[in-house]
């Protein structure tokens, strides 16, 4: 069973969920945009988006949030949020 990392972040005012696939160009990663939203998509919304992309959470997986600076080593830089969770393809194999 192949595991992958799904991530949620905000880009250009839109929350976006994508699944990072090793060995696959970033431009070909499965992606879902939640549209313009101020609030973070709910766990249920993220779960439905993952299912629509053909993925499910691995057993016991939970979302983990990370805070990072847009410009490293710059204390005045805007802070960004990134959520990650381990997923697998719905059929259990490679996507």
C-alpha atoms as a PDB file:
ATOM      1  CA  UNK A   1       0.000   0.000   0.000  1.00  0.00           C
ATOM      2  CA  UNK A   2       1.463   3.337  -1.038  1.00  0.00           C
ATOM      3  CA  UNK A   3       1.126   6.261   1.360  1.00  0.00           C
ATOM      4  CA  UNK A   4       1.214   9.909   0.361  1.00  0.00           C
ATOM      5  CA  UNK A   5       0.971  13.257   2.097  1.00  0.00           C
ATOM      6  CA  UNK A   6      -2.052  15.468   1.506  1.00  0.00           C
ATOM      7  CA  UNK A   7      -1.642  19.134   2.340  1.00  0.00           C
ATOM      8  CA  UNK A   8      -3.913  22.153   2.660  1.00  0.00           C
ATOM      9  CA  UNK A   9      -2.647  25.698   2.330  1.00  0.00           C
ATOM     10  CA  UNK A  10      -3.887  29.056   1.157  1.00  0.00           C
ATOM     11  CA  UNK A  11      -2.606  30.482  -2.109  1.00  0.00           C
ATOM     12  CA  UNK A  12      -3.856  33.652  -3.710  1.00  0.00           C
ATOM     13  CA  UNK A  13      -6.773  33.895  -1.279  1.00  0.00           C
ATOM     14  CA  UNK A  14      -7.949  30.328  -1.945  1.00  0.00           C
ATOM     15  CA  UNK A  15      -7.596  27.271   0.249  1.00  0.00           C
ATOM     16  CA  UNK A  16      -6.147  24.439  -1.805  1.00  0.00           C
ATOM     17  CA  UNK A  17      -5.784  20.745  -0.995  1.00  0.00           C
ATOM     18  CA  UNK A  18      -3.258  18.690  -2.932  1.00  0.00           C
ATOM     19  CA  UNK A  19      -1.700  15.240  -2.680  1.00  0.00           C
ATOM     20  CA  UNK A  20       2.088  15.171  -2.966  1.00  0.00           C
ATOM     21  CA  UNK A  21       3.119  12.226  -5.131  1.00  0.00           C
ATOM     22  CA  UNK A  22       6.791  11.235  -5.042  1.00  0.00           C
ATOM     23  CA  UNK A  23       8.378  11.030  -8.474  1.00  0.00           C
ATOM     24  CA  UNK A  24       5.515  12.942 -10.104  1.00  0.00           C
ATOM     25  CA  UNK A  25       5.900  16.560 -11.289  1.00  0.00           C
ATOM     26  CA  UNK A  26       4.129  19.045  -9.008  1.00  0.00           C
ATOM     27  CA  UNK A  27       2.000  20.171 -11.962  1.00  0.00           C
ATOM     28  CA  UNK A  28       0.453  16.672 -12.044  1.00  0.00           C
ATOM     29  CA  UNK A  29      -0.393  16.322  -8.345  1.00  0.00           C
ATOM     30  CA  UNK A  30      -4.119  15.858  -7.669  1.00  0.00           C
ATOM     31  CA  UNK A  31      -5.539  19.157  -6.438  1.00  0.00           C
ATOM     32  CA  UNK A  32      -8.804  20.637  -5.181  1.00  0.00           C
ATOM     33  CA  UNK A  33      -9.512  24.349  -4.723  1.00  0.00           C
ATOM     34  CA  UNK A  34     -12.088  25.371  -2.131  1.00  0.00           C
ATOM     35  CA  UNK A  35     -12.573  28.770  -3.732  1.00  0.00           C
ATOM     36  CA  UNK A  36     -12.290  32.120  -2.013  1.00  0.00           C
ATOM     37  CA  UNK A  37     -12.775  31.606   1.681  1.00  0.00           C
ATOM     38  CA  UNK A  38     -11.691  33.324   4.851  1.00  0.00           C
ATOM     39  CA  UNK A  39     -12.174  30.244   7.005  1.00  0.00           C
ATOM     40  CA  UNK A  40     -10.188  27.031   6.816  1.00  0.00           C
ATOM     41  CA  UNK A  41     -12.163  24.221   5.129  1.00  0.00           C
ATOM     42  CA  UNK A  42     -13.657  21.882   7.730  1.00  0.00           C
ATOM     43  CA  UNK A  43     -12.332  18.358   8.302  1.00  0.00           C
ATOM     44  CA  UNK A  44     -15.444  17.040   6.539  1.00  0.00           C
ATOM     45  CA  UNK A  45     -14.892  19.319   3.520  1.00  0.00           C
ATOM     46  CA  UNK A  46     -11.248  18.233   3.312  1.00  0.00           C
ATOM     47  CA  UNK A  47     -12.235  14.565   3.622  1.00  0.00           C
ATOM     48  CA  UNK A  48     -14.800  14.862   0.813  1.00  0.00           C
ATOM     49  CA  UNK A  49     -12.244  16.620  -1.404  1.00  0.00           C
ATOM     50  CA  UNK A  50      -9.731  13.830  -0.787  1.00  0.00           C
ATOM     51  CA  UNK A  51     -12.329  11.199  -1.648  1.00  0.00           C
ATOM     52  CA  UNK A  52     -13.201  13.087  -4.852  1.00  0.00           C
ATOM     53  CA  UNK A  53      -9.485  12.973  -5.732  1.00  0.00           C
ATOM     54  CA  UNK A  54      -9.382   9.213  -5.060  1.00  0.00           C
ATOM     55  CA  UNK A  55      -7.726   9.181  -1.625  1.00  0.00           C
ATOM     56  CA  UNK A  56      -8.624   8.352   1.989  1.00  0.00           C
ATOM     57  CA  UNK A  57      -6.898   8.882   5.326  1.00  0.00           C
ATOM     58  CA  UNK A  58      -4.528   6.158   6.498  1.00  0.00           C
ATOM     59  CA  UNK A  59      -5.536   4.426   9.736  1.00  0.00           C
ATOM     60  CA  UNK A  60      -5.201   6.779  12.686  1.00  0.00           C
ATOM     61  CA  UNK A  61      -4.098   9.748  10.556  1.00  0.00           C
ATOM     62  CA  UNK A  62      -4.827  13.224  11.892  1.00  0.00           C
ATOM     63  CA  UNK A  63      -4.294  16.664  10.394  1.00  0.00           C
ATOM     64  CA  UNK A  64      -1.167  18.421  11.690  1.00  0.00           C
ATOM     65  CA  UNK A  65      -0.849  22.199  11.315  1.00  0.00           C
ATOM     66  CA  UNK A  66       2.477  23.970  10.754  1.00  0.00           C
ATOM     67  CA  UNK A  67       3.140  27.689  10.830  1.00  0.00           C
ATOM     68  CA  UNK A  68       5.903  29.053   8.606  1.00  0.00           C
ATOM     69  CA  UNK A  69       7.162  32.437   7.405  1.00  0.00           C
ATOM     70  CA  UNK A  70       6.639  33.433   3.815  1.00  0.00           C
ATOM     71  CA  UNK A  71      10.206  34.776   3.887  1.00  0.00           C
ATOM     72  CA  UNK A  72      12.414  32.663   6.194  1.00  0.00           C
ATOM     73  CA  UNK A  73      14.553  34.582   8.688  1.00  0.00           C
ATOM     74  CA  UNK A  74      12.375  37.710   8.348  1.00  0.00           C
ATOM     75  CA  UNK A  75      10.375  38.399  11.524  1.00  0.00           C
ATOM     76  CA  UNK A  76       8.140  40.840   9.628  1.00  0.00           C
ATOM     77  CA  UNK A  77       7.180  38.238   7.019  1.00  0.00           C
ATOM     78  CA  UNK A  78       3.546  37.120   6.804  1.00  0.00           C
ATOM     79  CA  UNK A  79       2.865  33.814   8.535  1.00  0.00           C
ATOM     80  CA  UNK A  80       1.362  30.978   6.492  1.00  0.00           C
ATOM     81  CA  UNK A  81      -0.398  27.835   7.660  1.00  0.00           C
ATOM     82  CA  UNK A  82       0.043  24.377   6.179  1.00  0.00           C
ATOM     83  CA  UNK A  83      -1.902  21.285   7.212  1.00  0.00           C
ATOM     84  CA  UNK A  84      -0.673  17.779   6.429  1.00  0.00           C
ATOM     85  CA  UNK A  85      -2.127  14.292   6.762  1.00  0.00           C
ATOM     86  CA  UNK A  86      -1.120  10.836   5.557  1.00  0.00           C
ATOM     87  CA  UNK A  87      -3.395   9.339   2.891  1.00  0.00           C
ATOM     88  CA  UNK A  88      -3.555   6.355   0.565  1.00  0.00           C
ATOM     89  CA  UNK A  89      -5.349   5.824  -2.714  1.00  0.00           C
ATOM     90  CA  UNK A  90      -8.914   4.491  -2.438  1.00  0.00           C
ATOM     91  CA  UNK A  91      -7.969   1.241  -4.164  1.00  0.00           C
ATOM     92  CA  UNK A  92      -4.931   0.779  -1.883  1.00  0.00           C
ATOM     93  CA  UNK A  93      -2.425   0.914  -4.739  1.00  0.00           C
ATOM     94  CA  UNK A  94      -0.510   3.636  -6.467  1.00  0.00           C
ATOM     95  CA  UNK A  95      -2.616   6.464  -7.899  1.00  0.00           C
END
